[in-house]
Amino acid sequence: MTENADSRAIELGEYIIENKATVRAAAKKFGISKSTVHMDVTKRLMIIEPSLYSQVRQVLETNKAQRHIRGGLATKEKYKSLSLQKK
């Protein structure tokens, strides 16, 4: 199990870096929970591959800083589509 989880953590880390993906996007791509992705790229990756971990942390910090913008845009689109349905 550990070997499989370790290789999954590395694969997740590489995917997040290459695609600048969010935890949610990585979870959807790999078909696992967000909690598992987060555990793999924060806890496991820090132990097994510290250099990859630091790169992943940078991407996750950028995503965290931008999430309020993405949320605002999603809300805007939601209400925009609702107003079009009423017409």
Protein backbone atom coordinates (compact mmCIF):
# COMPACT_ATOMS: atom_id res chain seq x y z
CA MET A 1 0.00 0.00 0.00
CA THR A 2 2.77 2.46 0.91
CA GLU A 3 4.58 1.92 -2.38
CA ASN A 4 1.36 2.47 -4.30
CA ALA A 5 0.50 5.57 -2.25
CA ASP A 6 4.02 6.95 -2.70
CA SER A 7 3.92 6.54 -6.47
CA ARG A 8 0.43 8.07 -6.54
CA ALA A 9 1.69 11.06 -4.55
CA ILE A 10 4.53 11.62 -7.02
CA GLU A 11 2.16 11.27 -9.98
CA LEU A 12 -0.28 13.73 -8.40
CA GLY A 13 2.51 16.20 -7.70
CA GLU A 14 3.76 16.06 -11.27
CA TYR A 15 0.22 16.50 -12.60
CA ILE A 16 -0.42 19.53 -10.40
CA ILE A 17 2.84 21.17 -11.46
CA GLU A 18 2.45 20.47 -15.19
CA ASN A 19 -1.16 21.65 -15.35
CA LYS A 20 -1.13 24.18 -12.50
CA ALA A 21 -4.13 22.19 -11.33
CA THR A 22 -6.17 22.66 -8.19
CA VAL A 23 -6.63 19.89 -5.66
CA ARG A 24 -10.21 19.53 -6.88
CA ALA A 25 -9.13 19.18 -10.53
CA ALA A 26 -6.47 16.60 -9.62
CA ALA A 27 -8.98 14.62 -7.57
CA LYS A 28 -11.43 14.57 -10.47
CA LYS A 29 -8.73 13.54 -12.97
CA PHE A 30 -7.46 10.66 -10.82
CA GLY A 31 -10.88 9.61 -9.50
CA ILE A 32 -9.99 10.01 -5.83
CA SER A 33 -11.17 12.30 -3.05
CA LYS A 34 -9.86 15.81 -2.45
CA SER A 35 -8.76 14.71 1.01
CA THR A 36 -6.60 11.96 -0.46
CA VAL A 37 -5.00 14.35 -2.94
CA HIS A 38 -4.31 16.88 -0.21
CA MET A 39 -2.83 14.23 2.09
CA ASP A 40 -0.64 12.85 -0.71
CA VAL A 41 0.76 16.18 -1.90
CA THR A 42 1.31 17.68 1.54
CA LYS A 43 2.21 14.88 3.94
CA ARG A 44 3.54 12.03 1.79
CA LEU A 45 5.29 14.13 -0.84
CA MET A 46 7.14 16.15 1.82
CA ILE A 47 8.75 12.93 3.05
CA ILE A 48 9.41 11.04 -0.18
CA GLU A 49 10.23 13.87 -2.63
CA PRO A 50 10.99 17.23 -0.92
CA SER A 51 11.98 19.06 -4.13
CA LEU A 52 8.71 18.11 -5.84
CA TYR A 53 6.83 19.03 -2.67
CA SER A 54 8.19 22.59 -2.73
CA GLN A 55 7.11 23.05 -6.35
CA VAL A 56 3.63 21.70 -5.59
CA ARG A 57 3.31 24.02 -2.59
CA GLN A 58 4.02 27.02 -4.83
CA VAL A 59 1.25 26.00 -7.23
CA LEU A 60 -1.19 25.35 -4.37
CA GLU A 61 -0.38 28.71 -2.76
CA THR A 62 -1.03 30.47 -6.08
CA ASN A 63 -4.33 28.62 -6.44
CA LYS A 64 -5.28 29.55 -2.89
CA ALA A 65 -4.54 33.22 -3.56
CA GLN A 66 -6.71 33.16 -6.68
CA ARG A 67 -9.67 31.13 -5.44
CA HIS A 68 -11.73 34.14 -4.37
CA ILE A 69 -11.51 35.42 -7.94
CA ARG A 70 -12.64 32.09 -9.41
CA GLY A 71 -15.49 31.94 -6.91
CA GLY A 72 -16.63 35.43 -7.82
CA LEU A 73 -16.57 34.60 -11.52
CA ALA A 74 -18.58 31.42 -10.92
CA THR A 75 -21.20 33.39 -8.99
CA LYS A 76 -21.36 36.00 -11.74
CA GLU A 77 -21.94 33.31 -14.37
CA LYS A 78 -24.60 31.65 -12.20
CA TYR A 79 -26.66 34.81 -11.90
CA LYS A 80 -26.06 35.73 -15.51
CA SER A 81 -27.53 32.40 -16.65
CA LEU A 82 -30.45 32.75 -14.23
CA SER A 83 -31.34 36.18 -15.62
CA LEU A 84 -31.24 34.79 -19.19
CA GLN A 85 -33.63 31.98 -18.22
CA LYS A 86 -36.21 34.46 -16.91
CA LYS A 87 -36.40 36.31 -20.21
